[in-house]
Amino acid sequence: MLNKVDECEGEPEEELEGTPGDGPDNWTPTTLVGFGPGTRTVLVGGTIEPVMGSAICSQVERLAAESDDFIKVVINSPGGDIIQVMAIYDMLRAVTCPIITLTQGMAFSGGFVLAQAGDLRLSFPNSRFFYHEPIGVNENNSLTEAAVSLQSYAWSLETMNEVIRKRTKISKTNWNKHFAGKTSVYFSAQEAKDLKIIDEIIEYPKKPKLNLRVE
């Protein structure tokens, strides 16, 4: 990265966007909106796809290498590619430092799964959680292709369900009542806590009273 212009004739070279460097905007292999390396907080915001998956895994791995302190992962996502979801989930579970997941807004679909990766799983009071079965694409031209698609669907469903069952330690009764056979279901933050989808709901802090007068 060029920090100053060499003493030579001609226009200075421009820095390449997204190249690795020390600045908070260039600290991953790809450009990703987030809180930056100084906060040990990573944002999973928006649809989860390959570029996001690689960037988040890179951020988490770097933060884990820098310190054993906890990493906070803020989730506000409608979900996305299940392969990328599981790549991020595996990275969050594989690092040795503690992971705190905080749902802010929505943890839908794959975001729901990622919320389970935390050693401490938190949520804001008005966040929403959404579980649904994987969405299949019915564009098969042969029985063989249909069989492969069905196999992929079964893997996605079982992988998601296994994560949820393992991380929540949900009872068989509650699983059958709230998840088994459900194509989609929403949960409030309180309902998520009751089912141990999260551990705690963030309480609003008491703030000092401001003596403001509108004229």
Protein backbone atom coordinates (compact mmCIF):
# COMPACT_ATOMS: atom_id res chain seq x y z
CA MET A 1 0.00 0.00 0.00
CA LEU A 2 1.34 3.46 -0.91
CA ASN A 3 1.28 5.84 2.03
CA LYS A 4 3.21 8.64 0.34
CA VAL A 5 4.18 9.69 -3.15
CA ASP A 6 7.62 8.74 -4.40
CA GLU A 7 9.74 11.64 -5.56
CA CYS A 8 9.33 11.10 -9.27
CA GLU A 9 7.57 12.69 -12.17
CA GLY A 10 3.98 11.85 -13.06
CA GLU A 11 0.75 11.35 -11.19
CA PRO A 12 0.78 9.28 -7.95
CA GLU A 13 -0.57 5.76 -8.10
CA GLU A 14 -3.99 5.24 -6.56
CA GLU A 15 -4.50 2.69 -3.83
CA LEU A 16 -6.51 -0.34 -4.85
CA GLU A 17 -9.84 -0.64 -3.09
CA GLY A 18 -10.09 -3.78 -0.98
CA THR A 19 -6.36 -4.49 -0.76
CA PRO A 20 -5.10 -5.72 2.62
CA GLY A 21 -3.73 -3.00 4.86
CA ASP A 22 -3.74 -1.47 8.29
CA GLY A 23 -6.75 0.80 7.77
CA PRO A 24 -10.18 -0.26 9.10
CA ASP A 25 -11.63 -0.26 5.59
CA ASN A 26 -8.99 -2.57 4.09
CA TRP A 27 -8.30 -5.20 6.70
CA THR A 28 -9.96 -8.17 4.96
CA PRO A 29 -9.46 -9.78 1.54
CA THR A 30 -12.78 -8.28 0.46
CA THR A 31 -14.59 -5.08 1.28
CA LEU A 32 -17.26 -5.62 3.95
CA VAL A 33 -19.21 -3.10 5.97
CA GLY A 34 -18.62 -3.73 9.66
CA PHE A 35 -17.41 -2.26 12.92
CA GLY A 36 -13.70 -2.66 12.22
CA PRO A 37 -10.76 -4.44 13.85
CA GLY A 38 -10.49 -2.11 16.86
CA THR A 39 -13.84 -3.19 18.32
CA ARG A 40 -13.56 -6.99 18.01
CA THR A 41 -17.07 -6.84 16.59
CA VAL A 42 -18.13 -8.33 13.26
CA LEU A 43 -21.38 -7.52 11.48
CA VAL A 44 -23.38 -10.14 9.60
CA GLY A 45 -25.74 -7.76 7.85
CA GLY A 46 -27.75 -8.54 4.73
CA THR A 47 -27.93 -11.62 2.56
CA ILE A 48 -25.24 -14.21 3.27
CA GLU A 49 -23.39 -15.08 0.06
CA PRO A 50 -19.84 -16.20 -0.87
CA VAL A 51 -18.14 -12.78 -0.70
CA MET A 52 -19.64 -12.09 2.72
CA GLY A 53 -18.83 -15.60 3.93
CA SER A 54 -15.15 -15.30 2.99
CA ALA A 55 -14.84 -11.82 4.47
CA ILE A 56 -16.45 -12.72 7.80
CA CYS A 57 -14.39 -15.90 8.17
CA SER A 58 -11.26 -13.86 7.43
CA GLN A 59 -12.18 -11.21 10.01
CA VAL A 60 -12.98 -13.76 12.70
CA GLU A 61 -9.77 -15.70 12.10
CA ARG A 62 -7.66 -12.54 12.27
CA LEU A 63 -9.35 -11.32 15.46
CA ALA A 64 -8.86 -14.76 17.04
CA ALA A 65 -5.16 -14.68 16.15
CA GLU A 66 -4.73 -11.21 17.70
CA SER A 67 -6.21 -11.97 21.12
CA ASP A 68 -8.05 -14.53 23.24
CA ASP A 69 -10.65 -11.90 24.17
CA PHE A 70 -14.23 -12.53 23.06
CA ILE A 71 -15.48 -11.63 19.60
CA LYS A 72 -18.97 -10.17 19.24
CA VAL A 73 -20.91 -11.09 16.11
CA VAL A 74 -23.91 -8.84 15.43
CA ILE A 75 -26.55 -10.54 13.26
CA ASN A 76 -29.15 -8.68 11.20
CA SER A 77 -29.71 -11.00 8.26
CA PRO A 78 -32.54 -12.55 6.22
CA GLY A 79 -30.35 -15.60 5.62
CA GLY A 80 -28.84 -16.78 2.36
CA ASP A 81 -26.61 -19.52 0.96
CA ILE A 82 -26.64 -22.46 3.41
CA ILE A 83 -23.08 -23.45 2.42
CA GLN A 84 -21.80 -19.97 3.35
CA VAL A 85 -23.89 -19.99 6.52
CA MET A 86 -22.25 -23.20 7.64
CA ALA A 87 -18.79 -21.93 6.65
CA ILE A 88 -19.25 -18.96 9.01
CA TYR A 89 -20.82 -21.18 11.68
CA ASP A 90 -17.90 -23.61 11.54
CA MET A 91 -15.37 -20.77 11.84
CA LEU A 92 -17.18 -19.28 14.84
CA ARG A 93 -17.21 -22.66 16.57
CA ALA A 94 -13.63 -23.51 15.61
CA VAL A 95 -11.80 -20.47 17.03
CA THR A 96 -10.59 -20.80 20.61
CA CYS A 97 -11.73 -17.38 21.86
CA PRO A 98 -15.32 -17.00 23.13
CA ILE A 99 -17.99 -15.88 20.67
CA ILE A 100 -20.93 -13.67 21.58
CA THR A 101 -23.77 -13.54 19.05
CA LEU A 102 -26.13 -10.58 19.26
CA THR A 103 -29.29 -10.52 17.16
CA GLN A 104 -30.19 -7.00 16.15
CA GLY A 105 -33.30 -6.81 14.01
CA MET A 106 -33.65 -10.21 12.39
CA ALA A 107 -32.10 -13.63 12.50
CA PHE A 108 -34.01 -15.29 9.69
CA SER A 109 -33.24 -18.61 8.00
CA GLY A 110 -29.44 -18.89 7.89
CA GLY A 111 -29.22 -15.98 10.32
CA PHE A 112 -31.20 -18.11 12.76
CA VAL A 113 -28.54 -20.82 12.45
CA LEU A 114 -25.67 -18.35 12.93
CA ALA A 115 -27.28 -17.02 16.12
CA GLN A 116 -26.68 -20.50 17.56
CA ALA A 117 -22.90 -20.27 17.08
CA GLY A 118 -22.36 -18.07 20.12
CA ASP A 119 -20.99 -19.29 23.42
CA LEU A 120 -23.28 -16.55 24.72
CA ARG A 121 -26.34 -15.83 22.57
CA LEU A 122 -27.96 -12.43 23.07
CA SER A 123 -30.78 -10.48 21.45
CA PHE A 124 -32.29 -7.03 21.56
CA PRO A 125 -35.90 -6.97 22.84
CA ASN A 126 -37.54 -6.30 19.46
CA SER A 127 -35.52 -8.70 17.35
CA ARG A 128 -37.31 -11.44 15.42
CA PHE A 129 -36.29 -15.00 14.64
CA PHE A 130 -37.53 -17.01 11.66
CA TYR A 131 -37.10 -20.71 10.96
CA HIS A 132 -38.08 -22.36 7.70
CA GLU A 133 -37.30 -25.45 5.71
CA PRO A 134 -34.73 -25.04 2.91
CA ILE A 135 -36.03 -23.62 -0.35
CA GLY A 136 -35.57 -26.02 -3.27
CA VAL A 137 -35.27 -25.11 -6.93
CA ASN A 138 -37.54 -27.28 -9.09
CA GLU A 139 -35.81 -26.99 -12.46
CA ASN A 140 -34.74 -30.60 -12.91
CA ASN A 141 -34.65 -32.09 -16.39
CA SER A 142 -34.23 -35.71 -15.34
CA LEU A 143 -34.91 -38.11 -12.51
CA THR A 144 -31.19 -38.13 -11.73
CA GLU A 145 -31.12 -34.35 -11.29
CA ALA A 146 -34.24 -34.53 -9.16
CA ALA A 147 -32.60 -37.14 -6.92
CA VAL A 148 -29.50 -34.97 -6.50
CA SER A 149 -31.65 -31.95 -5.63
CA LEU A 150 -33.59 -33.99 -3.10
CA GLN A 151 -30.35 -35.19 -1.54
CA SER A 152 -29.09 -31.61 -1.25
CA TYR A 153 -32.39 -30.52 0.28
CA ALA A 154 -32.27 -33.33 2.85
CA TRP A 155 -28.68 -32.41 3.80
CA SER A 156 -29.56 -28.74 4.25
CA LEU A 157 -32.60 -29.53 6.40
CA GLU A 158 -30.82 -32.04 8.61
CA THR A 159 -27.75 -29.82 9.01
CA MET A 160 -29.84 -26.84 10.16
CA ASN A 161 -32.00 -28.94 12.46
CA GLU A 162 -28.99 -30.66 14.02
CA VAL A 163 -27.38 -27.31 14.84
CA ILE A 164 -30.59 -26.05 16.44
CA ARG A 165 -31.20 -29.22 18.44
CA LYS A 166 -27.60 -29.40 19.65
CA ARG A 167 -27.14 -25.75 20.58
CA THR A 168 -30.56 -25.21 22.21
CA LYS A 169 -30.76 -28.64 23.85
CA ILE A 170 -34.46 -28.37 23.12
CA SER A 171 -36.72 -31.06 24.54
CA LYS A 172 -38.37 -33.54 22.21
CA THR A 173 -41.77 -32.16 23.24
CA ASN A 174 -40.84 -28.59 22.32
CA TRP A 175 -39.15 -29.70 19.10
CA ASN A 176 -42.26 -31.53 17.98
CA LYS A 177 -44.46 -28.59 18.99
CA HIS A 178 -42.47 -25.72 17.44
CA PHE A 179 -40.25 -27.19 14.70
CA ALA A 180 -41.14 -30.70 13.52
CA GLY A 181 -43.23 -30.58 10.36
CA LYS A 182 -43.19 -26.77 10.28
CA THR A 183 -42.39 -25.17 6.93
CA SER A 184 -41.93 -21.77 8.61
CA VAL A 185 -42.36 -20.20 12.04
CA TYR A 186 -41.54 -16.84 13.67
CA PHE A 187 -40.34 -16.26 17.22
CA SER A 188 -40.16 -13.10 19.29
CA ALA A 189 -37.10 -12.47 21.42
CA GLN A 190 -38.96 -13.65 24.51
CA GLU A 191 -40.21 -16.79 22.77
CA ALA A 192 -36.66 -17.44 21.58
CA LYS A 193 -35.39 -17.14 25.14
CA ASP A 194 -38.10 -19.45 26.47
CA LEU A 195 -37.04 -22.11 23.93
CA LYS A 196 -33.32 -21.49 24.68
CA ILE A 197 -32.70 -20.25 21.14
CA ILE A 198 -30.97 -17.37 22.92
CA ASP A 199 -29.59 -17.05 26.44
CA GLU A 200 -30.53 -13.50 27.37
CA ILE A 201 -32.35 -10.40 26.12
CA ILE A 202 -30.44 -7.13 26.31
CA GLU A 203 -32.01 -4.66 28.74
CA TYR A 204 -32.01 -0.97 27.90
CA PRO A 205 -29.61 0.97 30.12
CA LYS A 206 -30.73 3.79 32.39
CA LYS A 207 -29.64 7.06 30.86
CA PRO A 208 -29.04 10.39 32.56
CA LYS A 209 -31.88 12.86 32.24
CA LEU A 210 -31.17 15.69 29.83
CA ASN A 211 -32.45 19.13 30.68
CA LEU A 212 -33.42 20.14 27.18
CA ARG A 213 -35.89 22.85 26.36
CA VAL A 214 -37.46 23.26 22.94
CA GLU A 215 -38.09 26.85 22.01
